């Protein structure tokens, strides 16, 4: 139901005053979708109960078709959004939805053939980018260690372009011991590393392989020794001597593009 908002003091918008507070959002088990495309993908996913949507008149007009939710749809002018949220959302489009739990085991991925695993990536923009490339190249899900950033953090959701709403993911603990359950389910653990003694991506991709978990690490430290020791294969992407390594999102995209399908 569309409801017009005429004042920034309207109590119906109280929750939107906290959209920039990730601690409060997690405590309320809420996530924020920002931008017209991302909000549309949230609604289309049907996986996350929507609490409400907040739009400017221009954003409402841009949706063209009826907005696919039974939740309240609040419409307010841009200055009201800016005042309430404390952040200038240029696309004039926000939604609040319920956040699910993200713990899980190998059984959640029993039909998967290709998974992306992430260790020690704390930058939410990189997390969002990793979800985006995982979706782009057909990965069936994402695994995160306990230290990596929250995929439902507002910036991660935005950078992912809504891919976090499409992909199954789980935060694994204990890490990396929890990867052993995937080995038992016939996944091969593939560690991406710039180490000179690792086999090249082309060499690895050129042989027959079955189910894969491709593991990437944080920029700088890379993958931990424990992950490297526990992997079935260590794989590198050859680069020229002009750079030391690739951005983690770029590296994941290159690897998944070669190993998908």
C-alpha atoms as a PDB file:
ATOM      1  CA  UNK A   1       0.000   0.000   0.000  1.00  0.00           C
ATOM      2  CA  UNK A   2       1.414   3.389  -0.995  1.00  0.00           C
ATOM      3  CA  UNK A   3       1.440   5.917   1.853  1.00  0.00           C
ATOM      4  CA  UNK A   4       2.448   9.559   1.386  1.00  0.00           C
ATOM      5  CA  UNK A   5       4.824  11.060   3.955  1.00  0.00           C
ATOM      6  CA  UNK A   6       4.709  14.826   4.417  1.00  0.00           C
ATOM      7  CA  UNK A   7       7.055  15.288   7.387  1.00  0.00           C
ATOM      8  CA  UNK A   8      10.413  14.027   8.537  1.00  0.00           C
ATOM      9  CA  UNK A   9       8.916  13.619  12.002  1.00  0.00           C
ATOM     10  CA  UNK A  10       6.499  10.944  10.827  1.00  0.00           C
ATOM     11  CA  UNK A  11       6.880   7.959  13.213  1.00  0.00           C
ATOM     12  CA  UNK A  12       6.440   5.512  10.342  1.00  0.00           C
ATOM     13  CA  UNK A  13       9.985   6.393   9.249  1.00  0.00           C
ATOM     14  CA  UNK A  14      11.647   5.838  12.629  1.00  0.00           C
ATOM     15  CA  UNK A  15      13.602   2.769  11.470  1.00  0.00           C
ATOM     16  CA  UNK A  16      15.020   4.666   8.499  1.00  0.00           C
ATOM     17  CA  UNK A  17      16.841   6.998  10.874  1.00  0.00           C
ATOM     18  CA  UNK A  18      19.120   4.003  11.677  1.00  0.00           C
ATOM     19  CA  UNK A  19      19.960   2.780   8.161  1.00  0.00           C
ATOM     20  CA  UNK A  20      23.584   3.937   8.527  1.00  0.00           C
ATOM     21  CA  UNK A  21      24.023   2.079  11.842  1.00  0.00           C
ATOM     22  CA  UNK A  22      25.112  -1.505  11.061  1.00  0.00           C
ATOM     23  CA  UNK A  23      25.190  -2.547  14.725  1.00  0.00           C
ATOM     24  CA  UNK A  24      21.570  -1.503  15.239  1.00  0.00           C
ATOM     25  CA  UNK A  25      20.493  -3.169  11.999  1.00  0.00           C
ATOM     26  CA  UNK A  26      22.103  -6.482  12.964  1.00  0.00           C
ATOM     27  CA  UNK A  27      20.523  -6.250  16.404  1.00  0.00           C
ATOM     28  CA  UNK A  28      17.118  -5.804  14.785  1.00  0.00           C
ATOM     29  CA  UNK A  29      17.892  -8.529  12.227  1.00  0.00           C
ATOM     30  CA  UNK A  30      17.342  -6.063   9.400  1.00  0.00           C
ATOM     31  CA  UNK A  31      19.145  -5.333   6.151  1.00  0.00           C
ATOM     32  CA  UNK A  32      19.018  -2.280   3.905  1.00  0.00           C
ATOM     33  CA  UNK A  33      18.621  -2.349   0.125  1.00  0.00           C
ATOM     34  CA  UNK A  34      19.653   0.902  -1.554  1.00  0.00           C
ATOM     35  CA  UNK A  35      18.972   2.006  -5.115  1.00  0.00           C
ATOM     36  CA  UNK A  36      16.256   1.163  -7.603  1.00  0.00           C
ATOM     37  CA  UNK A  37      17.925  -1.890  -9.156  1.00  0.00           C
ATOM     38  CA  UNK A  38      18.950  -3.365  -5.806  1.00  0.00           C
ATOM     39  CA  UNK A  39      15.510  -2.818  -4.277  1.00  0.00           C
ATOM     40  CA  UNK A  40      13.903  -4.366  -7.324  1.00  0.00           C
ATOM     41  CA  UNK A  41      16.135  -7.438  -6.987  1.00  0.00           C
ATOM     42  CA  UNK A  42      15.282  -7.709  -3.305  1.00  0.00           C
ATOM     43  CA  UNK A  43      11.584  -7.722  -4.133  1.00  0.00           C
ATOM     44  CA  UNK A  44      12.012 -10.145  -7.028  1.00  0.00           C
ATOM     45  CA  UNK A  45      14.008 -12.627  -4.948  1.00  0.00           C
ATOM     46  CA  UNK A  46      11.072 -13.302  -2.647  1.00  0.00           C
ATOM     47  CA  UNK A  47      13.525 -14.716  -0.089  1.00  0.00           C
ATOM     48  CA  UNK A  48      13.551 -11.885   2.429  1.00  0.00           C
ATOM     49  CA  UNK A  49      10.393 -10.596   4.140  1.00  0.00           C
ATOM     50  CA  UNK A  50      10.215  -6.875   3.362  1.00  0.00           C
ATOM     51  CA  UNK A  51       9.454  -4.572   6.286  1.00  0.00           C
ATOM     52  CA  UNK A  52       8.827  -1.457   4.167  1.00  0.00           C
ATOM     53  CA  UNK A  53      10.001   0.541   1.149  1.00  0.00           C
ATOM     54  CA  UNK A  54      10.825   4.272   1.101  1.00  0.00           C
ATOM     55  CA  UNK A  55      10.834   6.110  -2.227  1.00  0.00           C
ATOM     56  CA  UNK A  56      10.885   9.575  -3.670  1.00  0.00           C
ATOM     57  CA  UNK A  57       8.118  10.362  -6.179  1.00  0.00           C
ATOM     58  CA  UNK A  58      10.682  10.081  -8.994  1.00  0.00           C
ATOM     59  CA  UNK A  59      11.763   6.630  -7.829  1.00  0.00           C
ATOM     60  CA  UNK A  60       8.156   5.508  -7.547  1.00  0.00           C
ATOM     61  CA  UNK A  61       7.569   6.660 -11.113  1.00  0.00           C
ATOM     62  CA  UNK A  62      10.684   4.788 -12.284  1.00  0.00           C
ATOM     63  CA  UNK A  63       9.270   1.479 -11.053  1.00  0.00           C
ATOM     64  CA  UNK A  64       6.537   1.883 -13.694  1.00  0.00           C
ATOM     65  CA  UNK A  65       4.776  -1.390 -12.813  1.00  0.00           C
ATOM     66  CA  UNK A  66       3.168  -1.981  -9.394  1.00  0.00           C
ATOM     67  CA  UNK A  67       5.751  -2.598  -6.682  1.00  0.00           C
ATOM     68  CA  UNK A  68       5.707  -6.291  -5.830  1.00  0.00           C
ATOM     69  CA  UNK A  69       5.279  -6.254  -2.077  1.00  0.00           C
ATOM     70  CA  UNK A  70       2.473  -6.264   0.475  1.00  0.00           C
ATOM     71  CA  UNK A  71       4.647  -4.191   2.827  1.00  0.00           C
ATOM     72  CA  UNK A  72       4.023  -0.456   3.258  1.00  0.00           C
ATOM     73  CA  UNK A  73       5.501   1.708   0.497  1.00  0.00           C
ATOM     74  CA  UNK A  74       6.260   5.173   1.833  1.00  0.00           C
ATOM     75  CA  UNK A  75       6.692   8.058  -0.610  1.00  0.00           C
ATOM     76  CA  UNK A  76       8.458  11.237   0.474  1.00  0.00           C
ATOM     77  CA  UNK A  77      10.357  14.065  -1.172  1.00  0.00           C
ATOM     78  CA  UNK A  78      14.164  13.787  -1.351  1.00  0.00           C
ATOM     79  CA  UNK A  79      14.839  16.381   1.411  1.00  0.00           C
ATOM     80  CA  UNK A  80      12.774  14.291   3.829  1.00  0.00           C
ATOM     81  CA  UNK A  81      14.799  11.169   2.992  1.00  0.00           C
ATOM     82  CA  UNK A  82      18.040  13.091   3.469  1.00  0.00           C
ATOM     83  CA  UNK A  83      16.894  14.458   6.820  1.00  0.00           C
ATOM     84  CA  UNK A  84      15.657  11.119   8.164  1.00  0.00           C
ATOM     85  CA  UNK A  85      18.562   8.918   7.062  1.00  0.00           C
ATOM     86  CA  UNK A  86      21.399  11.411   7.435  1.00  0.00           C
ATOM     87  CA  UNK A  87      22.752  10.055   4.154  1.00  0.00           C
ATOM     88  CA  UNK A  88      22.056  11.395   0.676  1.00  0.00           C
ATOM     89  CA  UNK A  89      20.627   8.502  -1.315  1.00  0.00           C
ATOM     90  CA  UNK A  90      20.799   9.910  -4.814  1.00  0.00           C
ATOM     91  CA  UNK A  91      18.507   7.293  -6.299  1.00  0.00           C
ATOM     92  CA  UNK A  92      15.819   8.037  -3.741  1.00  0.00           C
ATOM     93  CA  UNK A  93      15.045   4.405  -3.045  1.00  0.00           C
ATOM     94  CA  UNK A  94      15.456   2.315   0.119  1.00  0.00           C
ATOM     95  CA  UNK A  95      13.955  -0.827   1.560  1.00  0.00           C
ATOM     96  CA  UNK A  96      14.199  -2.592   4.907  1.00  0.00           C
ATOM     97  CA  UNK A  97      13.955  -6.384   4.978  1.00  0.00           C
ATOM     98  CA  UNK A  98      14.463  -9.157   7.494  1.00  0.00           C
ATOM     99  CA  UNK A  99      17.940 -10.627   7.659  1.00  0.00           C
ATOM    100  CA  UNK A 100      18.215 -14.432   7.691  1.00  0.00           C
ATOM    101  CA  UNK A 101      20.834 -16.435   9.503  1.00  0.00           C
ATOM    102  CA  UNK A 102      23.876 -17.381   7.428  1.00  0.00           C
ATOM    103  CA  UNK A 103      25.385 -20.312   9.292  1.00  0.00           C
ATOM    104  CA  UNK A 104      25.382 -23.604   7.494  1.00  0.00           C
ATOM    105  CA  UNK A 105      27.040 -26.848   6.497  1.00  0.00           C
ATOM    106  CA  UNK A 106      27.815 -28.716   3.319  1.00  0.00           C
ATOM    107  CA  UNK A 107      24.269 -30.087   3.219  1.00  0.00           C
ATOM    108  CA  UNK A 108      22.975 -26.649   2.179  1.00  0.00           C
ATOM    109  CA  UNK A 109      25.067 -26.957  -0.981  1.00  0.00           C
ATOM    110  CA  UNK A 110      24.410 -30.575  -1.868  1.00  0.00           C
ATOM    111  CA  UNK A 111      23.397 -29.660  -5.442  1.00  0.00           C
ATOM    112  CA  UNK A 112      26.245 -27.198  -5.977  1.00  0.00           C
ATOM    113  CA  UNK A 113      29.125 -27.763  -8.357  1.00  0.00           C
ATOM    114  CA  UNK A 114      31.058 -24.499  -7.946  1.00  0.00           C
ATOM    115  CA  UNK A 115      31.409 -22.453  -4.757  1.00  0.00           C
ATOM    116  CA  UNK A 116      33.443 -19.366  -3.919  1.00  0.00           C
ATOM    117  CA  UNK A 117      35.000 -19.314  -0.444  1.00  0.00           C
ATOM    118  CA  UNK A 118      36.304 -16.109   1.146  1.00  0.00           C
ATOM    119  CA  UNK A 119      38.897 -15.792   3.927  1.00  0.00           C
ATOM    120  CA  UNK A 120      39.861 -12.594   5.707  1.00  0.00           C
ATOM    121  CA  UNK A 121      38.223 -10.074   3.358  1.00  0.00           C
ATOM    122  CA  UNK A 122      37.142  -7.227   5.600  1.00  0.00           C
ATOM    123  CA  UNK A 123      36.311  -4.568   3.005  1.00  0.00           C
ATOM    124  CA  UNK A 124      32.532  -4.566   2.370  1.00  0.00           C
ATOM    125  CA  UNK A 125      33.018  -3.257  -1.179  1.00  0.00           C
ATOM    126  CA  UNK A 126      35.193  -6.284  -1.931  1.00  0.00           C
ATOM    127  CA  UNK A 127      32.621  -8.606  -0.361  1.00  0.00           C
ATOM    128  CA  UNK A 128      29.913  -7.106  -2.546  1.00  0.00           C
ATOM    129  CA  UNK A 129      32.139  -7.366  -5.601  1.00  0.00           C
ATOM    130  CA  UNK A 130      32.888 -11.015  -4.842  1.00  0.00           C
ATOM    131  CA  UNK A 131      29.206 -11.853  -4.613  1.00  0.00           C
ATOM    132  CA  UNK A 132      28.636 -10.020  -7.891  1.00  0.00           C
ATOM    133  CA  UNK A 133      31.301 -11.978  -9.786  1.00  0.00           C
ATOM    134  CA  UNK A 134      30.166 -15.233  -8.155  1.00  0.00           C
ATOM    135  CA  UNK A 135      26.685 -14.614  -9.539  1.00  0.00           C
ATOM    136  CA  UNK A 136      28.040 -13.449 -12.897  1.00  0.00           C
ATOM    137  CA  UNK A 137      30.042 -16.625 -13.517  1.00  0.00           C
ATOM    138  CA  UNK A 138      27.529 -19.142 -12.250  1.00  0.00           C
ATOM    139  CA  UNK A 139      28.824 -20.023  -8.803  1.00  0.00           C
ATOM    140  CA  UNK A 140      26.201 -21.875  -6.804  1.00  0.00           C
ATOM    141  CA  UNK A 141      26.969 -20.191  -3.495  1.00  0.00           C
ATOM    142  CA  UNK A 142      29.490 -18.414  -1.285  1.00  0.00           C
ATOM    143  CA  UNK A 143      31.274 -19.551   1.877  1.00  0.00           C
ATOM    144  CA  UNK A 144      32.744 -17.036   4.330  1.00  0.00           C
ATOM    145  CA  UNK A 145      35.141 -17.399   7.215  1.00  0.00           C
ATOM    146  CA  UNK A 146      34.240 -15.744  10.560  1.00  0.00           C
ATOM    147  CA  UNK A 147      36.516 -12.735   9.915  1.00  0.00           C
ATOM    148  CA  UNK A 148      35.148 -11.594   6.558  1.00  0.00           C
ATOM    149  CA  UNK A 149      32.782  -8.635   6.316  1.00  0.00           C
ATOM    150  CA  UNK A 150      29.006  -8.873   6.483  1.00  0.00           C
ATOM    151  CA  UNK A 151      27.416  -9.448   3.035  1.00  0.00           C
ATOM    152  CA  UNK A 152      24.273  -7.697   4.301  1.00  0.00           C
ATOM    153  CA  UNK A 153      26.140  -4.515   5.257  1.00  0.00           C
ATOM    154  CA  UNK A 154      24.591  -1.682   3.230  1.00  0.00           C
ATOM    155  CA  UNK A 155      27.694  -0.997   1.114  1.00  0.00           C
ATOM    156  CA  UNK A 156      28.220  -4.695   0.388  1.00  0.00           C
ATOM    157  CA  UNK A 157      24.608  -5.088  -0.741  1.00  0.00           C
ATOM    158  CA  UNK A 158      24.922  -2.036  -2.988  1.00  0.00           C
ATOM    159  CA  UNK A 159      28.253  -3.106  -4.524  1.00  0.00           C
ATOM    160  CA  UNK A 160      26.906  -6.590  -5.173  1.00  0.00           C
ATOM    161  CA  UNK A 161      24.078  -5.031  -7.211  1.00  0.00           C
ATOM    162  CA  UNK A 162      21.698  -7.274  -5.298  1.00  0.00           C
ATOM    163  CA  UNK A 163      23.621 -10.517  -5.921  1.00  0.00           C
ATOM    164  CA  UNK A 164      23.556 -11.170  -2.161  1.00  0.00           C
ATOM    165  CA  UNK A 165      19.807 -11.726  -2.552  1.00  0.00           C
ATOM    166  CA  UNK A 166      20.279 -14.374  -5.249  1.00  0.00           C
ATOM    167  CA  UNK A 167      23.093 -16.530  -3.857  1.00  0.00           C
ATOM    168  CA  UNK A 168      22.985 -18.993  -0.983  1.00  0.00           C
ATOM    169  CA  UNK A 169      25.820 -18.316   1.432  1.00  0.00           C
ATOM    170  CA  UNK A 170      27.076 -19.581   4.771  1.00  0.00           C
ATOM    171  CA  UNK A 171      29.569 -18.389   7.344  1.00  0.00           C
ATOM    172  CA  UNK A 172      31.641 -21.408   8.350  1.00  0.00           C
ATOM    173  CA  UNK A 173      33.098 -22.148  11.761  1.00  0.00           C
ATOM    174  CA  UNK A 174      35.491 -23.491  12.811  1.00  0.00           C
ATOM    175  CA  UNK A 175      37.572 -22.179   9.933  1.00  0.00           C
ATOM    176  CA  UNK A 176      39.154 -23.695   7.905  1.00  0.00           C
ATOM    177  CA  UNK A 177      38.340 -27.061   9.462  1.00  0.00           C
ATOM    178  CA  UNK A 178      34.733 -26.723   8.264  1.00  0.00           C
ATOM    179  CA  UNK A 179      35.970 -27.084   4.686  1.00  0.00           C
ATOM    180  CA  UNK A 180      36.673 -30.739   5.429  1.00  0.00           C
ATOM    181  CA  UNK A 181      32.915 -31.418   5.213  1.00  0.00           C
ATOM    182  CA  UNK A 182      33.013 -30.179   1.621  1.00  0.00           C
ATOM    183  CA  UNK A 183      35.943 -32.477   0.837  1.00  0.00           C
ATOM    184  CA  UNK A 184      33.875 -35.340   2.228  1.00  0.00           C
ATOM    185  CA  UNK A 185      31.106 -34.298  -0.197  1.00  0.00           C
ATOM    186  CA  UNK A 186      33.572 -34.693  -3.107  1.00  0.00           C
ATOM    187  CA  UNK A 187      34.470 -31.027  -3.504  1.00  0.00           C
ATOM    188  CA  UNK A 188      38.037 -30.204  -4.472  1.00  0.00           C
ATOM    189  CA  UNK A 189      39.432 -27.256  -2.490  1.00  0.00           C
ATOM    190  CA  UNK A 190      41.280 -24.872  -4.820  1.00  0.00           C
ATOM    191  CA  UNK A 191      43.385 -22.156  -3.168  1.00  0.00           C
ATOM    192  CA  UNK A 192      44.165 -19.061  -5.249  1.00  0.00           C
ATOM    193  CA  UNK A 193      47.661 -17.843  -4.449  1.00  0.00           C
ATOM    194  CA  UNK A 194      50.351 -15.813  -6.232  1.00  0.00           C
ATOM    195  CA  UNK A 195      53.021 -18.301  -5.096  1.00  0.00           C
ATOM    196  CA  UNK A 196      55.449 -19.068  -7.920  1.00  0.00           C
ATOM    197  CA  UNK A 197      55.321 -22.826  -7.284  1.00  0.00           C
ATOM    198  CA  UNK A 198      51.535 -23.034  -7.673  1.00  0.00           C
ATOM    199  CA  UNK A 199      50.193 -24.422 -10.939  1.00  0.00           C
ATOM    200  CA  UNK A 200      48.805 -21.898 -13.392  1.00  0.00           C
ATOM    201  CA  UNK A 201      45.089 -21.364 -13.802  1.00  0.00           C
ATOM    202  CA  UNK A 202      45.234 -22.449 -17.445  1.00  0.00           C
ATOM    203  CA  UNK A 203      46.992 -25.667 -16.479  1.00  0.00           C
ATOM    204  CA  UNK A 204      44.451 -26.443 -13.767  1.00  0.00           C
ATOM    205  CA  UNK A 205      41.442 -25.477 -15.872  1.00  0.00           C
ATOM    206  CA  UNK A 206      42.669 -27.632 -18.739  1.00  0.00           C
ATOM    207  CA  UNK A 207      42.265 -30.888 -16.857  1.00  0.00           C
ATOM    208  CA  UNK A 208      39.102 -32.695 -15.844  1.00  0.00           C
ATOM    209  CA  UNK A 209      37.719 -31.699 -12.483  1.00  0.00           C
ATOM    210  CA  UNK A 210      34.518 -32.198 -10.573  1.00  0.00           C
ATOM    211  CA  UNK A 211      32.962 -30.102  -7.840  1.00  0.00           C
ATOM    212  CA  UNK A 212      35.097 -27.135  -6.790  1.00  0.00           C
ATOM    213  CA  UNK A 213      35.432 -24.740  -3.870  1.00  0.00           C
ATOM    214  CA  UNK A 214      37.608 -21.827  -5.017  1.00  0.00           C
ATOM    215  CA  UNK A 215      39.131 -20.047  -2.015  1.00  0.00           C
ATOM    216  CA  UNK A 216      40.343 -16.435  -2.127  1.00  0.00           C
ATOM    217  CA  UNK A 217      42.038 -14.435   0.629  1.00  0.00           C
ATOM    218  CA  UNK A 218      42.348 -10.857   1.766  1.00  0.00           C
ATOM    219  CA  UNK A 219      44.590  -8.496  -0.125  1.00  0.00           C
ATOM    220  CA  UNK A 220      47.991  -8.275   1.512  1.00  0.00           C
ATOM    221  CA  UNK A 221      48.116 -11.396   3.668  1.00  0.00           C
ATOM    222  CA  UNK A 222      46.418 -13.675   1.137  1.00  0.00           C
ATOM    223  CA  UNK A 223      45.309 -17.106   2.270  1.00  0.00           C
ATOM    224  CA  UNK A 224      46.382 -18.501   5.624  1.00  0.00           C
ATOM    225  CA  UNK A 225      48.894 -21.313   5.846  1.00  0.00           C
ATOM    226  CA  UNK A 226      46.142 -23.542   7.228  1.00  0.00           C
ATOM    227  CA  UNK A 227      44.003 -23.089   4.101  1.00  0.00           C
ATOM    228  CA  UNK A 228      46.984 -23.591   1.802  1.00  0.00           C
ATOM    229  CA  UNK A 229      47.992 -26.787   3.615  1.00  0.00           C
ATOM    230  CA  UNK A 230      44.443 -28.127   3.545  1.00  0.00           C
ATOM    231  CA  UNK A 231      43.789 -27.386  -0.115  1.00  0.00           C
ATOM    232  CA  UNK A 232      43.773 -30.025  -2.818  1.00  0.00           C
ATOM    233  CA  UNK A 233      45.298 -27.668  -5.381  1.00  0.00           C
ATOM    234  CA  UNK A 234      47.140 -24.350  -5.244  1.00  0.00           C
ATOM    235  CA  UNK A 235      46.503 -22.246  -8.339  1.00  0.00           C
ATOM    236  CA  UNK A 236      47.954 -18.928  -9.501  1.00  0.00           C
ATOM    237  CA  UNK A 237      47.000 -16.386 -12.152  1.00  0.00           C
ATOM    238  CA  UNK A 238      50.188 -15.391 -13.998  1.00  0.00           C
ATOM    239  CA  UNK A 239      50.796 -11.624 -14.083  1.00  0.00           C
ATOM    240  CA  UNK A 240      53.616  -9.470 -15.387  1.00  0.00           C
ATOM    241  CA  UNK A 241      56.339  -8.199 -13.100  1.00  0.00           C
ATOM    242  CA  UNK A 242      54.752  -4.753 -13.133  1.00  0.00           C
ATOM    243  CA  UNK A 243      52.335  -5.763 -10.336  1.00  0.00           C
ATOM    244  CA  UNK A 244      52.614  -8.013  -7.295  1.00  0.00           C
ATOM    245  CA  UNK A 245      49.071  -9.316  -7.332  1.00  0.00           C
ATOM    246  CA  UNK A 246      45.482  -8.659  -8.390  1.00  0.00           C
ATOM    247  CA  UNK A 247      42.575  -7.186  -6.495  1.00  0.00           C
ATOM    248  CA  UNK A 248      40.723 -10.085  -4.855  1.00  0.00           C
ATOM    249  CA  UNK A 249      37.546  -9.402  -6.823  1.00  0.00           C
ATOM    250  CA  UNK A 250      39.433  -9.339 -10.127  1.00  0.00           C
ATOM    251  CA  UNK A 251      41.277 -12.541  -9.265  1.00  0.00           C
ATOM    252  CA  UNK A 252      38.050 -14.318  -8.316  1.00  0.00           C
ATOM    253  CA  UNK A 253      36.390 -13.173 -11.537  1.00  0.00           C
ATOM    254  CA  UNK A 254      39.243 -14.484 -13.691  1.00  0.00           C
ATOM    255  CA  UNK A 255      39.324 -17.827 -11.874  1.00  0.00           C
ATOM    256  CA  UNK A 256      35.562 -18.372 -11.891  1.00  0.00           C
ATOM    257  CA  UNK A 257      35.305 -17.433 -15.553  1.00  0.00           C
ATOM    258  CA  UNK A 258      37.785 -20.201 -16.408  1.00  0.00           C
ATOM    259  CA  UNK A 259      36.408 -22.829 -14.033  1.00  0.00           C
ATOM    260  CA  UNK A 260      32.656 -22.323 -14.437  1.00  0.00           C
ATOM    261  CA  UNK A 261      30.716 -24.917 -16.382  1.00  0.00           C
END
